[in-house]
Protein backbone atom coordinates (compact mmCIF):
# COMPACT_ATOMS: atom_id res chain seq x y z
CA MET A 1 125.97 227.48 32.87
CA LYS A 2 124.55 228.31 36.24
CA LYS A 3 124.83 231.97 35.21
CA ILE A 4 123.28 231.63 32.23
CA LEU A 5 120.53 229.75 33.63
CA GLY A 6 120.27 232.35 36.34
CA TRP A 7 120.16 235.13 34.01
CA LEU A 8 117.46 233.13 31.91
CA MET A 9 114.94 232.62 35.13
CA LEU A 10 115.22 236.27 35.78
CA VAL A 11 114.22 237.55 32.32
CA ALA A 12 111.53 235.09 32.29
CA THR A 13 110.42 236.13 35.71
CA LEU A 14 109.81 239.71 34.66
CA VAL A 15 108.63 238.69 31.25
CA PHE A 16 105.84 236.86 32.60
CA GLY A 17 105.65 239.41 35.82
CA TYR A 18 104.55 241.78 33.34
CA THR A 19 102.46 239.74 30.78
CA ARG A 20 100.01 238.36 33.81
CA SER A 21 99.58 241.91 34.37
CA LEU A 22 97.62 242.58 31.65
CA PRO A 23 93.94 242.72 32.43
CA PRO A 24 91.58 240.16 31.85
CA LYS A 25 88.65 239.77 29.36
CA VAL A 26 86.10 240.43 32.16
CA THR A 27 83.06 242.61 32.45
CA PRO A 28 82.84 244.93 35.23
CA LEU A 29 79.28 245.10 36.57
CA PRO A 30 78.03 248.52 36.27
CA PRO A 31 76.83 250.52 39.35
CA ALA A 32 73.41 249.52 40.70
CA LYS A 33 72.19 249.09 44.03
CA THR A 34 72.48 245.86 45.15
CA SER A 35 70.77 244.47 48.19
CA VAL A 36 72.38 240.89 50.05
CA VAL A 37 69.59 238.12 50.76
CA TYR A 38 71.11 234.99 52.36
CA VAL A 39 69.09 231.68 52.74
CA GLY A 40 69.41 228.25 53.78
CA ASN A 41 70.59 225.06 52.16
CA LEU A 42 71.01 226.82 48.49
CA TYR A 43 71.77 224.57 45.88
CA ILE A 44 72.34 225.36 41.99
CA LYS A 45 70.43 222.61 40.97
CA ASP A 46 67.70 224.34 42.46
CA TRP A 47 68.11 227.58 40.23
CA GLN A 48 67.17 225.45 37.38
CA GLY A 49 63.56 227.64 36.15
CA ARG A 50 62.38 227.26 39.74
CA PHE A 51 62.68 230.84 41.19
CA TYR A 52 63.17 232.97 38.05
CA SER A 53 60.09 235.35 37.21
CA GLU A 54 59.58 236.45 33.86
CA GLY A 55 62.59 238.99 33.12
CA LEU A 56 64.66 237.81 35.69
CA ARG A 57 65.77 234.30 34.05
CA LYS A 58 69.46 235.44 33.38
CA GLY A 59 71.68 235.53 36.50
CA ALA A 60 75.50 235.65 37.36
CA ARG A 61 76.33 232.48 39.41
CA ALA A 62 79.66 231.36 41.39
CA LEU A 63 80.55 229.23 44.30
CA TYR A 64 82.39 230.94 47.60
CA PRO A 65 84.14 228.93 50.54
CA SER A 66 81.84 229.16 53.21
CA LYS A 67 84.49 228.38 55.69
CA ALA A 68 84.82 231.53 58.24
CA GLY A 69 88.00 230.85 60.35
CA ARG A 70 89.86 228.42 62.18
CA VAL A 71 88.84 226.64 65.35
CA GLY A 72 89.17 228.93 68.58
CA GLU A 73 88.84 232.21 66.26
CA LYS A 74 86.32 234.95 67.54
CA TRP A 75 84.17 235.62 63.75
CA GLY A 76 81.91 233.74 62.04
CA LEU A 77 80.76 233.54 58.54
CA LEU A 78 78.05 236.14 58.50
CA GLU A 79 80.34 238.65 60.19
CA VAL A 80 83.32 238.00 56.98
CA LEU A 81 79.95 238.45 54.57
CA ALA A 82 79.28 241.88 56.15
CA THR A 83 82.64 243.30 56.93
CA GLY A 84 84.62 242.24 53.92
CA SER A 85 87.16 240.73 56.63
CA ARG A 86 88.47 237.52 58.17
CA SER A 87 89.77 239.44 61.37
CA PRO A 88 87.98 240.61 64.20
CA LEU A 89 86.73 244.09 63.75
CA PRO A 90 85.35 246.36 66.42
CA PRO A 91 81.16 246.60 66.62
CA ASP A 92 81.54 250.13 65.00
CA ALA A 93 83.50 249.06 61.80
CA PRO A 94 81.44 249.50 58.70
CA ARG A 95 79.04 246.91 57.75
CA ILE A 96 76.44 246.05 54.80
CA PRO A 97 73.32 245.15 55.75
CA LEU A 98 72.16 241.51 55.28
CA GLU A 99 68.57 240.45 54.84
CA ARG A 100 67.85 236.65 55.89
CA LEU A 101 64.95 235.00 54.32
CA TYR A 102 63.75 231.97 56.65
CA THR A 103 63.39 229.76 53.56
CA SER A 104 65.10 226.83 51.89
CA PRO A 105 64.34 225.91 47.90
CA PRO A 106 61.96 225.50 46.87
CA GLY A 107 60.43 228.24 49.00
CA PRO A 108 58.17 231.22 48.54
CA GLN A 109 59.84 234.06 50.12
CA LEU A 110 63.03 233.65 47.82
CA LYS A 111 60.44 233.80 44.85
CA ASP A 112 58.63 236.82 46.03
CA ARG A 113 61.67 238.84 46.71
CA ILE A 114 62.97 237.98 43.22
CA ALA A 115 59.50 238.92 41.68
CA ALA A 116 59.19 242.34 43.57
CA LEU A 117 63.12 243.36 42.51
CA PRO A 118 62.60 246.66 41.32
CA ALA A 119 63.80 247.97 37.77
CA GLY A 120 67.63 249.08 37.87
CA GLU A 121 68.09 247.36 41.40
CA ARG A 122 70.04 244.10 41.80
CA LEU A 123 69.91 240.94 44.45
CA LEU A 124 72.72 239.01 45.44
CA VAL A 125 71.43 235.63 47.23
CA VAL A 126 74.01 233.83 49.41
CA GLY A 127 73.62 230.21 50.18
CA LEU A 128 74.57 229.40 53.57
CA MET A 129 74.29 226.07 55.82
CA THR A 130 71.81 226.17 58.39
CA GLU A 131 70.39 223.64 60.79
CA GLY A 132 67.26 223.55 59.10
CA ASP A 133 64.56 225.56 57.00
CA HIS A 134 64.59 228.37 60.11
CA GLY A 135 67.77 227.35 61.98
CA ALA A 136 70.69 229.12 62.79
CA VAL A 137 73.59 229.51 60.53
CA ILE A 138 76.40 226.68 61.50
CA GLY A 139 80.03 226.03 60.35
CA ASP A 140 80.23 223.22 57.72
CA GLY A 141 83.90 222.86 57.23
CA TRP A 142 85.56 223.59 53.96
CA LYS A 143 82.20 223.52 51.76
CA PHE A 144 81.49 225.82 48.88
CA ARG A 145 78.15 227.89 48.73
CA GLU A 146 76.23 229.41 45.97
CA VAL A 147 76.31 233.14 45.16
CA VAL A 148 73.77 234.18 42.24
CA LEU A 149 73.47 237.65 41.33
CA LEU A 150 70.04 238.76 39.51
CA GLY A 151 69.06 241.52 38.18
CA LYS A 152 67.40 242.70 34.68
CA ASP A 153 70.51 243.84 33.50
CA VAL A 154 72.54 240.95 34.59
CA PRO A 155 73.57 238.80 31.67
CA GLU A 156 74.21 235.05 32.37
CA GLY A 157 77.38 234.45 33.04
CA LEU A 158 79.95 233.36 35.96
CA LEU A 159 80.93 235.50 38.74
CA THR A 160 85.02 235.98 39.43
CA SER A 161 87.13 238.45 41.44
CA PRO A 162 90.80 239.66 41.74
CA SER A 163 90.80 237.91 45.09
CA VAL A 164 90.87 234.64 43.46
CA ARG A 165 92.96 235.46 40.28
CA PHE A 166 89.67 235.58 38.28
CA ARG A 167 89.31 231.76 38.49
CA PRO A 168 85.94 231.45 36.76
CA GLY A 169 82.69 230.63 39.05
CA LEU A 170 84.73 231.39 42.29
CA ILE A 171 84.53 234.29 44.42
CA ALA A 172 85.96 234.96 48.23
CA ALA A 173 83.80 235.20 50.90
CA THR A 174 85.17 238.62 51.42
CA ASP A 175 83.93 239.60 47.96
CA ILE A 176 80.37 239.55 48.93
CA ALA A 177 80.38 242.94 50.69
CA ALA A 178 82.28 244.53 47.84
CA THR A 179 80.29 243.25 44.96
CA ALA A 180 77.02 244.73 47.05
CA LEU A 181 78.86 248.13 47.20
CA GLY A 182 80.83 247.86 43.68
CA GLU A 183 83.85 249.02 45.43
CA PRO A 184 86.78 247.35 47.42
CA PHE A 185 85.66 246.82 50.75
CA GLY A 186 87.51 245.22 53.89
CA ALA A 187 89.88 242.80 52.08
CA GLY A 188 87.51 242.33 49.25
CA ARG A 189 87.08 243.35 46.02
CA PRO A 190 84.11 243.52 43.57
CA ALA A 191 83.25 240.39 41.24
CA VAL A 192 83.16 240.78 37.68
CA LEU A 193 81.63 239.04 35.04
CA LEU A 194 82.32 236.71 32.50
CA PRO A 195 79.53 236.69 30.35
CA GLY A 196 78.23 233.46 28.16
CA LYS A 197 81.03 231.32 29.97
CA SER A 198 79.55 227.91 31.00
CA LEU A 199 80.63 225.43 33.64
CA ASN A 200 79.40 222.78 35.63
CA LEU A 201 79.41 224.32 38.80
CA GLU A 202 78.32 221.39 40.67
CA ARG A 203 81.09 219.35 39.70
CA GLN A 204 83.41 222.05 40.25
CA ARG A 205 82.03 222.30 43.71
CA GLU A 206 83.01 218.60 44.32
CA LEU A 207 86.76 219.33 42.71
CA TRP A 208 87.45 222.33 44.85
CA LYS A 209 85.70 220.36 48.15
CA GLN A 210 88.47 217.79 47.88
CA GLN A 211 91.26 220.06 46.97
CA GLY A 212 90.25 221.89 50.13
CA ALA A 213 90.52 219.10 52.27
CA SER A 214 94.66 220.23 52.80
CA GLY A 215 96.67 217.58 53.87
CA LEU A 216 99.05 220.33 54.79
CA VAL A 217 98.50 219.98 58.26
CA VAL A 218 99.99 216.06 58.16
CA VAL A 219 103.19 217.08 56.39
CA PRO A 220 105.30 218.28 59.93
CA TRP A 221 104.40 215.28 61.72
CA LEU A 222 105.92 213.16 58.92
CA LEU A 223 109.01 215.50 58.34
CA THR A 224 109.95 216.22 61.75
CA PRO A 225 110.83 212.35 62.93
CA LEU A 226 112.34 211.53 59.39
CA LEU A 227 114.92 214.58 59.95
CA LEU A 228 115.53 214.30 63.22
CA LEU A 229 116.43 210.66 62.77
CA ALA A 230 118.24 211.64 59.56
CA ALA A 231 120.58 214.04 61.59
CA TRP A 232 120.94 211.87 64.69
CA LYS A 233 122.20 208.84 62.37
CA LYS A 234 123.99 210.80 59.90
CA TRP A 235 121.87 209.07 57.25
CA GLU A 236 121.96 210.80 53.66
CA ARG A 237 119.29 208.59 52.21
CA LEU A 238 117.14 209.64 54.75
CA GLY A 239 117.80 213.10 54.33
CA ARG A 240 117.21 212.55 50.45
CA LEU A 241 113.87 211.23 51.51
CA VAL A 242 112.82 214.26 53.70
CA LEU A 243 113.32 216.37 50.44
CA ALA A 244 111.69 213.57 48.54
CA MET A 245 108.53 214.21 49.83
CA PRO A 246 107.57 217.60 49.05
CA LEU A 247 108.86 217.09 45.72
CA ALA A 248 106.62 213.95 45.10
CA MET A 249 103.63 216.33 46.39
CA LEU A 250 104.51 218.83 43.74
CA LEU A 251 105.00 216.64 40.91
CA THR A 252 101.68 214.58 41.23
CA PRO A 253 99.40 217.24 39.77
CA LEU A 254 101.99 216.84 36.54
CA LEU A 255 100.43 212.85 36.40
CA GLY A 256 97.04 214.73 35.20
CA ALA A 257 95.45 217.23 37.48
CA PRO A 258 93.17 216.73 39.32
CA LEU A 259 93.33 213.56 40.78
CA TYR A 260 91.93 211.96 43.67
CA PRO A 261 92.51 210.96 46.17
CA PHE A 262 95.62 213.00 47.06
CA ILE A 263 96.97 210.87 49.85
CA GLY A 264 96.93 207.86 48.28
CA LEU A 265 98.38 208.86 44.80
CA GLU A 266 100.95 210.83 46.64
CA LEU A 267 102.28 207.86 48.61
CA ILE A 268 102.48 206.31 45.15
CA VAL A 269 104.51 209.01 43.61
CA LEU A 270 106.98 209.16 46.94
CA PHE A 271 107.38 205.66 46.47
CA LEU A 272 108.65 205.90 43.11
CA ALA A 273 110.36 209.00 43.62
CA THR A 274 112.34 207.07 46.61
CA VAL A 275 113.17 204.26 44.36
CA ALA A 276 114.46 206.93 41.65
CA LEU A 277 116.74 208.85 43.83
CA ALA A 278 118.11 205.47 45.49
CA VAL A 279 118.78 204.47 41.73
CA TRP A 280 120.37 207.76 40.58
CA LYS A 281 122.23 208.55 43.97
CA LEU A 282 120.88 212.12 43.33
CA THR A 283 122.45 214.27 46.47
CA VAL A 284 120.31 216.65 48.65
CA LYS A 285 121.86 219.93 46.68
CA LYS A 286 120.50 218.24 43.36
CA ILE A 287 117.13 217.59 44.74
CA ALA A 288 116.65 220.97 46.03
CA PHE A 289 117.78 222.16 42.64
CA VAL A 290 114.76 220.48 41.43
CA ILE A 291 112.21 221.40 43.74
CA ALA A 292 113.49 224.95 43.32
CA LEU A 293 113.05 224.95 39.45
CA VAL A 294 109.76 223.36 40.20
CA LEU A 295 108.14 226.16 42.36
CA TRP A 296 109.66 228.81 40.32
CA ALA A 297 108.31 227.69 37.23
CA GLY A 298 105.01 227.08 39.15
CA ALA A 299 105.03 230.74 40.75
CA THR A 300 106.23 232.40 37.25
CA LEU A 301 104.30 230.42 34.52
CA GLY A 302 101.12 229.97 36.44
CA VAL A 303 101.50 226.25 36.46
CA PRO A 304 98.90 224.75 38.93
CA LEU A 305 101.24 222.79 40.96
CA LEU A 306 100.09 224.34 44.38
CA GLU A 307 96.86 224.40 43.56
CA TYR A 308 96.36 220.45 43.15
CA ASN A 309 98.26 219.07 46.18
CA SER A 310 98.31 218.58 49.48
CA PHE A 311 101.51 220.46 50.16
CA SER A 312 99.83 223.68 49.86
CA TYR A 313 97.05 225.54 52.37
CA SER A 314 93.21 225.36 52.10
CA LEU A 315 91.42 226.42 48.65
CA ALA A 316 88.69 227.29 51.04
CA GLU A 317 90.68 230.63 52.14
CA ALA A 318 91.64 231.21 48.30
CA ALA A 319 95.25 230.95 49.10
CA ARG A 320 96.10 228.56 45.92
CA PHE A 321 94.94 231.51 44.07
CA TYR A 322 96.14 234.68 45.31
CA GLY A 323 100.07 233.48 44.19
CA ILE A 324 102.37 231.42 46.21
CA GLY A 325 101.68 230.28 49.73
CA ASN A 326 103.92 230.69 52.86
CA GLU A 327 104.80 226.99 52.62
CA GLY A 328 105.85 227.23 49.04
CA ALA A 329 107.97 230.53 49.57
CA GLY A 330 109.57 229.27 52.01
CA LEU A 331 110.67 225.83 50.37
CA LEU A 332 111.50 227.67 47.16
CA MET A 333 113.83 230.14 49.13
CA GLY A 334 115.36 227.23 51.28
CA CYS A 335 116.04 225.13 47.96
CA ALA A 336 117.25 227.70 46.13
CA LEU A 337 119.65 228.73 49.16
CA ALA A 338 120.52 224.74 49.53
CA ALA A 339 121.19 224.36 45.47
CA GLY A 340 123.53 227.35 45.85
CA PHE A 341 122.15 229.11 43.31
CA GLU A 342 123.93 232.75 42.48
CA LEU A 343 122.81 236.01 42.48
CA PRO A 344 120.71 236.22 39.14
CA ALA A 345 118.77 233.17 40.08
CA LEU A 346 118.01 234.19 43.81
CA LEU A 347 116.80 237.34 42.63
CA ALA A 348 114.41 235.68 39.89
CA VAL A 349 113.36 233.63 43.03
CA ALA A 350 112.58 236.74 45.09
CA LEU A 351 110.56 238.46 42.17
CA ALA A 352 108.81 235.21 41.65
CA ILE A 353 107.87 235.25 44.87
CA GLY A 354 107.08 239.08 45.57
CA LEU A 355 105.82 240.35 42.49
CA PRO A 356 101.91 241.15 42.82
CA THR A 357 101.08 239.16 39.64
CA LEU A 358 103.08 236.08 40.40
CA GLY A 359 103.71 235.22 43.93
CA ALA A 360 102.10 238.34 45.87
CA ASN A 361 103.90 237.05 49.19
CA ASN A 362 104.95 240.39 50.71
CA GLY A 363 106.68 239.22 53.56
CA CYS A 364 108.41 236.13 52.08
CA PHE A 365 109.45 238.73 49.27
CA LEU A 366 111.10 240.93 51.86
CA ALA A 367 112.69 237.79 53.33
CA ALA A 368 113.87 236.45 49.89
CA LEU A 369 115.59 239.81 49.15
CA ALA A 370 117.39 239.73 52.43
CA ALA A 371 118.77 236.14 51.35
CA VAL A 372 119.99 238.18 47.92
CA VAL A 373 121.76 240.40 49.64
CA LEU A 374 123.57 238.06 52.39
CA ALA A 375 124.64 235.98 49.33
CA ALA A 376 126.65 238.61 47.98
CA PRO A 377 130.07 237.39 47.87
CA THR A 378 131.95 240.92 49.03
CA ARG A 379 130.93 243.56 51.13
CA LYS A 380 131.09 246.29 48.32
CA THR A 381 128.75 243.79 46.36
CA ARG A 382 126.45 243.19 49.04
CA LEU A 383 126.04 247.00 49.75
CA GLY A 384 125.01 247.56 45.87
CA VAL A 385 122.94 244.47 46.23
CA ALA A 386 121.24 245.99 49.25
CA VAL A 387 120.59 249.33 47.36
CA LEU A 388 119.07 247.44 44.34
CA ALA A 389 117.04 245.45 46.92
CA LEU A 390 115.18 248.79 48.34
CA LEU A 391 114.90 250.04 45.03
CA LEU A 392 112.89 247.02 43.91
CA VAL A 393 110.76 247.14 47.31
CA GLY A 394 110.09 251.07 46.31
CA GLY A 395 109.24 249.96 42.81
CA VAL A 396 106.74 247.25 43.86
CA VAL A 397 104.95 249.38 46.32
CA ARG A 398 104.55 252.11 44.19
CA TRP A 399 103.33 249.86 40.96
CA GLU A 400 100.91 248.48 43.10
CA ALA A 401 99.59 251.88 44.47
CA SER A 402 99.46 252.89 40.51
CA ARG A 403 97.37 249.73 39.95
CA ALA A 404 93.23 249.55 39.66
CA PRO A 405 91.74 249.12 43.17
CA GLN A 406 90.32 246.32 42.18
CA VAL A 407 93.39 244.21 41.37
CA ARG A 408 95.39 245.33 44.05
CA SER A 409 97.20 242.84 46.46
CA HIS A 410 96.77 243.24 49.93
CA LEU A 411 99.85 245.34 50.16
CA GLY A 412 98.70 247.68 47.70
CA GLN A 413 95.51 248.20 49.47
CA ALA A 414 97.37 248.92 52.99
CA VAL A 415 100.04 251.30 51.20
CA THR A 416 97.07 253.76 49.76
CA LYS A 417 95.14 253.76 53.31
CA GLY A 418 98.58 255.20 54.41
CA GLY A 419 99.97 254.46 57.88
CA GLY A 420 96.86 253.27 59.21
CA GLY A 421 96.28 250.72 56.69
CA LEU A 422 100.01 249.40 57.16
CA ALA A 423 99.92 249.51 60.81
CA GLU A 424 96.27 247.45 60.68
CA LEU A 425 97.94 244.95 58.29
CA ALA A 426 100.88 244.28 60.53
CA VAL A 427 98.54 243.96 63.94
CA ARG A 428 96.55 241.38 61.79
CA LYS A 429 99.46 239.43 60.87
CA LEU A 430 101.32 239.48 64.29
CA ALA A 431 97.74 238.10 65.73
CA MET A 432 97.64 235.25 63.34
CA SER A 433 101.60 234.61 63.61
CA GLY A 434 101.03 234.49 67.70
CA TYR A 435 97.93 232.26 67.24
CA LEU A 436 99.91 229.52 64.83
CA LEU A 437 103.29 229.70 67.06
CA VAL A 438 101.03 228.09 69.90
CA ARG A 439 98.67 226.03 68.01
CA SER A 440 100.44 224.92 64.86
CA PRO A 441 102.28 221.45 64.38
CA TRP A 442 104.76 222.94 62.09
CA MET A 443 106.24 224.59 65.22
CA LEU A 444 107.92 221.39 65.87
CA LEU A 445 109.52 221.12 62.63
CA LEU A 446 110.54 224.98 63.05
CA ILE A 447 112.21 224.16 66.31
CA SER A 448 113.92 221.22 64.61
CA THR A 449 115.11 222.62 62.06
CA GLY A 450 116.05 225.74 63.66
CA GLY A 451 118.00 223.72 66.09
CA LEU A 452 120.09 221.88 63.52
CA ALA A 453 120.67 225.13 61.41
CA TRP A 454 122.18 226.56 64.54
CA ARG A 455 124.13 223.44 65.02
CA LYS A 456 125.43 223.38 61.54
CA LYS A 457 126.23 227.27 61.77
CA LYS A 458 123.88 228.36 59.33
CA LYS A 459 123.81 231.77 60.31
CA ASN A 460 122.47 233.50 57.33
CA GLU A 461 119.97 230.86 56.52
CA LEU A 462 118.66 231.38 60.31
CA LEU A 463 118.45 235.14 59.71
CA VAL A 464 116.30 234.94 56.69
CA ALA A 465 114.07 232.24 58.45
CA LEU A 466 113.43 234.45 61.19
CA LEU A 467 112.67 237.33 58.75
CA ALA A 468 110.06 234.87 57.08
CA LEU A 469 108.56 234.45 60.59
CA ALA A 470 108.37 237.64 61.77
CA LEU A 471 107.27 238.94 58.45
CA ASN A 472 104.25 236.85 57.45
CA ASP A 473 101.01 235.90 59.46
CA SER A 474 101.96 232.26 59.03
CA GLY A 475 105.59 232.84 59.08
CA VAL A 476 106.22 229.51 61.33
CA LEU A 477 105.30 227.21 57.73
CA ALA A 478 107.65 229.65 55.90
CA ALA A 479 110.43 229.51 58.08
CA ALA A 480 110.27 225.97 58.84
CA THR A 481 110.04 224.92 54.88
CA LEU A 482 113.06 227.47 54.48
CA LEU A 483 115.51 225.97 56.67
CA LEU A 484 114.24 222.02 55.93
CA PRO A 485 116.40 221.91 52.91
CA VAL A 486 119.38 223.67 54.40
CA VAL A 487 119.49 221.00 57.24
CA ALA A 488 118.72 217.56 55.35
CA ASP A 489 122.16 217.48 54.00
CA GLN A 490 123.99 214.77 55.87
CA LYS A 491 127.70 214.34 55.86
CA THR A 492 127.98 211.02 55.70
CA ASP A 493 126.14 208.08 54.39
CA THR A 494 126.05 205.29 57.38
CA PRO A 495 124.02 202.36 56.06
CA PRO A 496 121.38 201.31 58.68
CA GLU A 497 122.54 197.89 60.81
């Protein structure tokens, strides 16, 4: 039965990996000179007929996450908009010009700028949060600001981009520069148009804003003491609770996503899940099996599980739209190993994580392939699986390089730039990994799970976790969540006194 399930998973992964690579029904914007202006305190409701002069009543709209970087990082939102990158770049790096209008709606400068727009040219208006009508740009947390593309050749519709998997009405902050240039720039890709589509962006803004308030940072503070107590007292029930927590978070959206507030709902689901697990007496291995199937289905079938719960990184970095994040990929790998998946199922998991049209997580893809190789039962089989893994990596890289520039993942963009692009990608990932190793609370969980895995002599799992840690810019999340189901299982079930 396990072998049949594994082969079915592998076939489904390949089929959906291909079908989801088919181009969506979008309209590329024709080449045109595009100027970028940014204004303060711009809201979509202010565009309802206030600033259009005759001939410019049509326009394409979208929202973008206005968070630039984490606390302590040395670049701001204007740098992201001008360079198309969230990484700090040298002063001589290419930038697009940004024109500032000292106004907020309904101000005359923007209206005059739109009215003076020559035929055949476009204006990309970007909203920012300021300290008043003429103040400096300020940080505004995980909020979403407006982008409006105006021009006589721009029909009414919604903007989107490959950076967010063509989610209607949403683009990434890095896409601003690429849209102005009409070609990939930095980490951004040009926006495309969904003509005639209707979406209440004001309501969507509130939904995305609540989704952006990720509760992921709370998870390691909850899991670490539970895990250590379970290991100390050898309480199997507490070990089950450790895995019940991410399972409850993952299953919450199935009740009717999006539902808010997340934390209150997830606590209810967690309580119900804990009761159910106590009644059914499911083992940690079986819970890991369920989690692995849920995460695999979410990545392969496009079910929005990670998109609508707090066990996921913030939407404000578009992480929930480009595939599977490191926290989900690590948990998927760890649960697949803890559940005893055989080679076909492990290979399906690796492809679901790594295919550009599915998980698009390159670092965890390599780590998952290593797990597949290490899971081979004999040395001869392991050699054959290693060769297959190398062929898969080469095939994915070649496929990425052959795809259109606007839909390539970060790996595809780096590969087409040659050694310099790969080196730039590696440096950026190492810089982020170093930052998180020092500042992230997930390091506490990683130390705990790593120590317990070492004590349990889980050498293969530790090696895969080290690869996940080294190959990802937030590898601390991938490594910690990978080892969590591996060490949650306790040999005895001693009831508390």
